């Protein structure tokens, strides 16, 4: 019986030692960190829809497409009739698509500006800076051509090909 008692004592000591030691589960801790990061990002995004950005700077040759954020689009929708708004928006989508198709065939960098930006800034080689407040532009979607040697140009998307040749000389 003494051997049996020793075995029981050893088993009990082993079990009590295992249960009293702190459990370390790195995978569980890592999971908590990921959840905390995810929650932080969602909290930041839920307030404004996007993390706000102020100024997008262009300092090299490019074609820049802009589109207003959803808040500004909704304001413009409310300020007009449904028929006017949707007819204009449909035209904008069509001409923007046509412009994008044409520009993809040209040797110019295309920038699709995130609607979260509030300003678009063009920096010329001579140091002159042109800043555009994006919520004051005439259309929901706009296209600008830029060459650092010239002033930026707000493109008439009805004839992008002619505008491209006139601005870039190609």
C-alpha atoms as a PDB file:
ATOM      1  CA  UNK A   1       0.000   0.000   0.000  1.00  0.00           C
ATOM      2  CA  UNK A   2       2.779   2.464   0.627  1.00  0.00           C
ATOM      3  CA  UNK A   3       3.727   2.351  -3.103  1.00  0.00           C
ATOM      4  CA  UNK A   4       0.135   3.038  -4.060  1.00  0.00           C
ATOM      5  CA  UNK A   5      -0.006   5.992  -1.650  1.00  0.00           C
ATOM      6  CA  UNK A   6       3.212   7.392  -3.137  1.00  0.00           C
ATOM      7  CA  UNK A   7       1.785   7.162  -6.664  1.00  0.00           C
ATOM      8  CA  UNK A   8      -1.424   8.905  -5.594  1.00  0.00           C
ATOM      9  CA  UNK A   9       0.575  11.616  -3.806  1.00  0.00           C
ATOM     10  CA  UNK A  10       2.797  12.179  -6.847  1.00  0.00           C
ATOM     11  CA  UNK A  11      -0.244  12.353  -9.153  1.00  0.00           C
ATOM     12  CA  UNK A  12      -2.017  14.829  -6.860  1.00  0.00           C
ATOM     13  CA  UNK A  13       1.095  17.008  -6.558  1.00  0.00           C
ATOM     14  CA  UNK A  14       1.564  16.963 -10.339  1.00  0.00           C
ATOM     15  CA  UNK A  15      -2.053  17.882 -10.976  1.00  0.00           C
ATOM     16  CA  UNK A  16      -2.043  20.657  -8.402  1.00  0.00           C
ATOM     17  CA  UNK A  17       1.194  22.058  -9.814  1.00  0.00           C
ATOM     18  CA  UNK A  18      -0.283  22.108 -13.329  1.00  0.00           C
ATOM     19  CA  UNK A  19      -3.507  23.777 -12.294  1.00  0.00           C
ATOM     20  CA  UNK A  20      -1.854  26.471 -10.168  1.00  0.00           C
ATOM     21  CA  UNK A  21       0.666  27.566 -12.808  1.00  0.00           C
ATOM     22  CA  UNK A  22      -0.546  30.466 -14.941  1.00  0.00           C
ATOM     23  CA  UNK A  23      -1.730  29.398 -18.337  1.00  0.00           C
ATOM     24  CA  UNK A  24       0.125  31.055 -21.131  1.00  0.00           C
ATOM     25  CA  UNK A  25      -1.541  30.890 -24.473  1.00  0.00           C
ATOM     26  CA  UNK A  26       0.214  33.185 -26.933  1.00  0.00           C
ATOM     27  CA  UNK A  27      -2.337  32.457 -29.647  1.00  0.00           C
ATOM     28  CA  UNK A  28      -5.157  33.644 -27.390  1.00  0.00           C
ATOM     29  CA  UNK A  29      -3.265  36.834 -26.466  1.00  0.00           C
ATOM     30  CA  UNK A  30      -2.507  37.488 -30.138  1.00  0.00           C
ATOM     31  CA  UNK A  31      -6.193  37.015 -30.962  1.00  0.00           C
ATOM     32  CA  UNK A  32      -7.099  39.629 -28.314  1.00  0.00           C
ATOM     33  CA  UNK A  33      -4.621  42.096 -29.845  1.00  0.00           C
ATOM     34  CA  UNK A  34      -6.094  41.565 -33.301  1.00  0.00           C
ATOM     35  CA  UNK A  35      -9.627  42.080 -31.983  1.00  0.00           C
ATOM     36  CA  UNK A  36      -8.567  45.262 -30.176  1.00  0.00           C
ATOM     37  CA  UNK A  37      -6.937  46.635 -33.338  1.00  0.00           C
ATOM     38  CA  UNK A  38     -10.011  45.726 -35.396  1.00  0.00           C
ATOM     39  CA  UNK A  39     -12.283  47.468 -32.877  1.00  0.00           C
ATOM     40  CA  UNK A  40     -10.080  50.597 -32.917  1.00  0.00           C
ATOM     41  CA  UNK A  41     -10.158  50.803 -36.716  1.00  0.00           C
ATOM     42  CA  UNK A  42     -13.925  50.301 -36.841  1.00  0.00           C
ATOM     43  CA  UNK A  43     -14.401  53.023 -34.224  1.00  0.00           C
ATOM     44  CA  UNK A  44     -12.281  55.438 -36.263  1.00  0.00           C
ATOM     45  CA  UNK A  45     -14.100  54.618 -39.488  1.00  0.00           C
ATOM     46  CA  UNK A  46     -17.616  54.694 -38.106  1.00  0.00           C
ATOM     47  CA  UNK A  47     -17.533  58.381 -37.170  1.00  0.00           C
ATOM     48  CA  UNK A  48     -17.014  59.864 -40.628  1.00  0.00           C
ATOM     49  CA  UNK A  49     -17.276  56.910 -42.942  1.00  0.00           C
ATOM     50  CA  UNK A  50     -13.552  57.251 -43.660  1.00  0.00           C
ATOM     51  CA  UNK A  51     -10.484  58.448 -41.866  1.00  0.00           C
ATOM     52  CA  UNK A  52     -10.356  62.087 -42.955  1.00  0.00           C
ATOM     53  CA  UNK A  53      -7.548  63.214 -45.190  1.00  0.00           C
ATOM     54  CA  UNK A  54      -6.879  66.815 -45.990  1.00  0.00           C
ATOM     55  CA  UNK A  55      -4.620  67.496 -48.965  1.00  0.00           C
ATOM     56  CA  UNK A  56      -3.550  65.295 -51.869  1.00  0.00           C
ATOM     57  CA  UNK A  57      -0.449  66.720 -53.547  1.00  0.00           C
ATOM     58  CA  UNK A  58       0.402  66.183 -57.213  1.00  0.00           C
ATOM     59  CA  UNK A  59       3.888  67.224 -58.294  1.00  0.00           C
ATOM     60  CA  UNK A  60       4.463  65.101 -61.393  1.00  0.00           C
ATOM     61  CA  UNK A  61       2.771  64.723 -64.776  1.00  0.00           C
ATOM     62  CA  UNK A  62      -0.604  63.059 -64.315  1.00  0.00           C
ATOM     63  CA  UNK A  63      -4.298  62.875 -65.122  1.00  0.00           C
ATOM     64  CA  UNK A  64      -6.258  63.112 -61.864  1.00  0.00           C
ATOM     65  CA  UNK A  65      -9.841  61.875 -61.519  1.00  0.00           C
ATOM     66  CA  UNK A  66     -11.764  63.233 -58.544  1.00  0.00           C
ATOM     67  CA  UNK A  67     -15.168  62.335 -57.170  1.00  0.00           C
ATOM     68  CA  UNK A  68     -17.007  63.987 -54.312  1.00  0.00           C
ATOM     69  CA  UNK A  69     -17.626  62.155 -51.056  1.00  0.00           C
ATOM     70  CA  UNK A  70     -21.065  60.693 -50.355  1.00  0.00           C
ATOM     71  CA  UNK A  71     -22.071  63.532 -48.025  1.00  0.00           C
ATOM     72  CA  UNK A  72     -21.479  66.170 -50.705  1.00  0.00           C
ATOM     73  CA  UNK A  73     -23.199  64.040 -53.371  1.00  0.00           C
ATOM     74  CA  UNK A  74     -26.245  63.713 -51.098  1.00  0.00           C
ATOM     75  CA  UNK A  75     -26.314  67.511 -50.582  1.00  0.00           C
ATOM     76  CA  UNK A  76     -26.326  68.059 -54.327  1.00  0.00           C
ATOM     77  CA  UNK A  77     -29.024  65.435 -54.792  1.00  0.00           C
ATOM     78  CA  UNK A  78     -31.257  67.199 -52.258  1.00  0.00           C
ATOM     79  CA  UNK A  79     -30.655  70.556 -53.978  1.00  0.00           C
ATOM     80  CA  UNK A  80     -32.066  69.304 -57.297  1.00  0.00           C
ATOM     81  CA  UNK A  81     -34.903  67.134 -58.539  1.00  0.00           C
ATOM     82  CA  UNK A  82     -34.373  63.397 -58.886  1.00  0.00           C
ATOM     83  CA  UNK A  83     -34.681  63.655 -62.653  1.00  0.00           C
ATOM     84  CA  UNK A  84     -32.044  66.402 -62.933  1.00  0.00           C
ATOM     85  CA  UNK A  85     -29.692  64.702 -60.505  1.00  0.00           C
ATOM     86  CA  UNK A  86     -29.831  61.233 -62.058  1.00  0.00           C
ATOM     87  CA  UNK A  87     -29.591  62.552 -65.629  1.00  0.00           C
ATOM     88  CA  UNK A  88     -26.496  64.545 -64.687  1.00  0.00           C
ATOM     89  CA  UNK A  89     -24.977  61.670 -62.727  1.00  0.00           C
ATOM     90  CA  UNK A  90     -25.582  59.283 -65.634  1.00  0.00           C
ATOM     91  CA  UNK A  91     -23.808  61.669 -68.018  1.00  0.00           C
ATOM     92  CA  UNK A  92     -20.935  62.046 -65.554  1.00  0.00           C
ATOM     93  CA  UNK A  93     -20.493  58.274 -65.286  1.00  0.00           C
ATOM     94  CA  UNK A  94     -20.530  57.862 -69.063  1.00  0.00           C
ATOM     95  CA  UNK A  95     -18.052  60.661 -69.855  1.00  0.00           C
ATOM     96  CA  UNK A  96     -15.759  59.685 -66.980  1.00  0.00           C
ATOM     97  CA  UNK A  97     -15.683  56.113 -68.273  1.00  0.00           C
ATOM     98  CA  UNK A  98     -14.920  57.293 -71.805  1.00  0.00           C
ATOM     99  CA  UNK A  99     -12.139  59.564 -70.519  1.00  0.00           C
ATOM    100  CA  UNK A 100     -10.625  56.757 -68.460  1.00  0.00           C
ATOM    101  CA  UNK A 101     -10.680  54.406 -71.479  1.00  0.00           C
ATOM    102  CA  UNK A 102      -8.900  57.008 -73.635  1.00  0.00           C
ATOM    103  CA  UNK A 103      -6.302  57.866 -70.977  1.00  0.00           C
ATOM    104  CA  UNK A 104      -5.386  54.222 -70.347  1.00  0.00           C
ATOM    105  CA  UNK A 105      -4.030  54.174 -73.911  1.00  0.00           C
ATOM    106  CA  UNK A 106      -1.881  57.268 -73.319  1.00  0.00           C
ATOM    107  CA  UNK A 107       1.557  57.515 -71.674  1.00  0.00           C
ATOM    108  CA  UNK A 108       0.276  59.473 -68.681  1.00  0.00           C
ATOM    109  CA  UNK A 109      -0.003  58.431 -65.047  1.00  0.00           C
ATOM    110  CA  UNK A 110      -3.655  58.156 -63.954  1.00  0.00           C
ATOM    111  CA  UNK A 111      -4.532  59.019 -60.360  1.00  0.00           C
ATOM    112  CA  UNK A 112      -7.925  58.065 -58.912  1.00  0.00           C
ATOM    113  CA  UNK A 113      -8.295  60.405 -55.953  1.00  0.00           C
ATOM    114  CA  UNK A 114      -9.961  58.968 -52.862  1.00  0.00           C
ATOM    115  CA  UNK A 115     -13.129  60.971 -52.038  1.00  0.00           C
ATOM    116  CA  UNK A 116     -11.929  61.378 -48.437  1.00  0.00           C
ATOM    117  CA  UNK A 117      -9.532  64.144 -49.516  1.00  0.00           C
ATOM    118  CA  UNK A 118     -10.788  67.698 -49.013  1.00  0.00           C
ATOM    119  CA  UNK A 119      -8.214  69.496 -51.178  1.00  0.00           C
ATOM    120  CA  UNK A 120      -6.245  68.752 -54.323  1.00  0.00           C
ATOM    121  CA  UNK A 121      -2.961  70.580 -54.650  1.00  0.00           C
ATOM    122  CA  UNK A 122      -0.796  70.914 -57.759  1.00  0.00           C
ATOM    123  CA  UNK A 123       2.861  71.916 -57.243  1.00  0.00           C
ATOM    124  CA  UNK A 124       4.559  73.362 -60.284  1.00  0.00           C
ATOM    125  CA  UNK A 125       8.318  73.088 -60.866  1.00  0.00           C
ATOM    126  CA  UNK A 126       8.697  76.865 -60.348  1.00  0.00           C
ATOM    127  CA  UNK A 127       7.233  76.588 -56.833  1.00  0.00           C
ATOM    128  CA  UNK A 128       3.738  77.876 -57.635  1.00  0.00           C
ATOM    129  CA  UNK A 129       1.021  75.902 -55.846  1.00  0.00           C
ATOM    130  CA  UNK A 130      -2.606  75.665 -57.000  1.00  0.00           C
ATOM    131  CA  UNK A 131      -5.096  74.361 -54.429  1.00  0.00           C
ATOM    132  CA  UNK A 132      -8.635  73.218 -55.229  1.00  0.00           C
ATOM    133  CA  UNK A 133     -11.263  72.801 -52.496  1.00  0.00           C
ATOM    134  CA  UNK A 134     -13.001  69.702 -53.793  1.00  0.00           C
ATOM    135  CA  UNK A 135     -16.458  70.307 -52.325  1.00  0.00           C
ATOM    136  CA  UNK A 136     -16.722  73.554 -54.331  1.00  0.00           C
ATOM    137  CA  UNK A 137     -16.214  72.073 -57.808  1.00  0.00           C
ATOM    138  CA  UNK A 138     -19.061  72.178 -60.321  1.00  0.00           C
ATOM    139  CA  UNK A 139     -19.434  68.463 -61.009  1.00  0.00           C
ATOM    140  CA  UNK A 140     -19.601  65.290 -58.952  1.00  0.00           C
ATOM    141  CA  UNK A 141     -16.696  63.851 -60.936  1.00  0.00           C
ATOM    142  CA  UNK A 142     -13.844  65.899 -62.421  1.00  0.00           C
ATOM    143  CA  UNK A 143     -10.657  65.337 -64.382  1.00  0.00           C
ATOM    144  CA  UNK A 144      -7.519  67.453 -64.168  1.00  0.00           C
ATOM    145  CA  UNK A 145      -4.413  67.335 -66.340  1.00  0.00           C
ATOM    146  CA  UNK A 146      -1.133  68.358 -64.770  1.00  0.00           C
ATOM    147  CA  UNK A 147       2.392  68.928 -65.991  1.00  0.00           C
ATOM    148  CA  UNK A 148       4.797  70.502 -63.455  1.00  0.00           C
ATOM    149  CA  UNK A 149       5.915  72.978 -66.154  1.00  0.00           C
ATOM    150  CA  UNK A 150       2.349  74.337 -66.563  1.00  0.00           C
ATOM    151  CA  UNK A 151      -0.702  75.289 -64.562  1.00  0.00           C
ATOM    152  CA  UNK A 152      -3.188  72.458 -63.935  1.00  0.00           C
ATOM    153  CA  UNK A 153      -6.145  72.181 -66.296  1.00  0.00           C
ATOM    154  CA  UNK A 154      -9.746  71.217 -65.433  1.00  0.00           C
ATOM    155  CA  UNK A 155     -10.708  69.024 -68.388  1.00  0.00           C
ATOM    156  CA  UNK A 156     -13.963  69.226 -70.324  1.00  0.00           C
ATOM    157  CA  UNK A 157     -14.751  65.501 -70.439  1.00  0.00           C
ATOM    158  CA  UNK A 158     -16.975  65.909 -73.506  1.00  0.00           C
ATOM    159  CA  UNK A 159     -13.827  65.989 -75.668  1.00  0.00           C
ATOM    160  CA  UNK A 160     -10.980  64.482 -73.667  1.00  0.00           C
ATOM    161  CA  UNK A 161      -8.923  63.576 -76.721  1.00  0.00           C
ATOM    162  CA  UNK A 162      -8.750  67.189 -77.969  1.00  0.00           C
ATOM    163  CA  UNK A 163      -8.112  68.471 -74.437  1.00  0.00           C
ATOM    164  CA  UNK A 164      -5.300  65.934 -73.989  1.00  0.00           C
ATOM    165  CA  UNK A 165      -3.609  66.933 -77.261  1.00  0.00           C
ATOM    166  CA  UNK A 166      -3.986  70.633 -76.469  1.00  0.00           C
ATOM    167  CA  UNK A 167      -2.556  70.327 -72.934  1.00  0.00           C
ATOM    168  CA  UNK A 168       0.141  67.692 -73.409  1.00  0.00           C
ATOM    169  CA  UNK A 169       0.850  68.436 -77.087  1.00  0.00           C
ATOM    170  CA  UNK A 170       0.756  64.771 -78.082  1.00  0.00           C
END
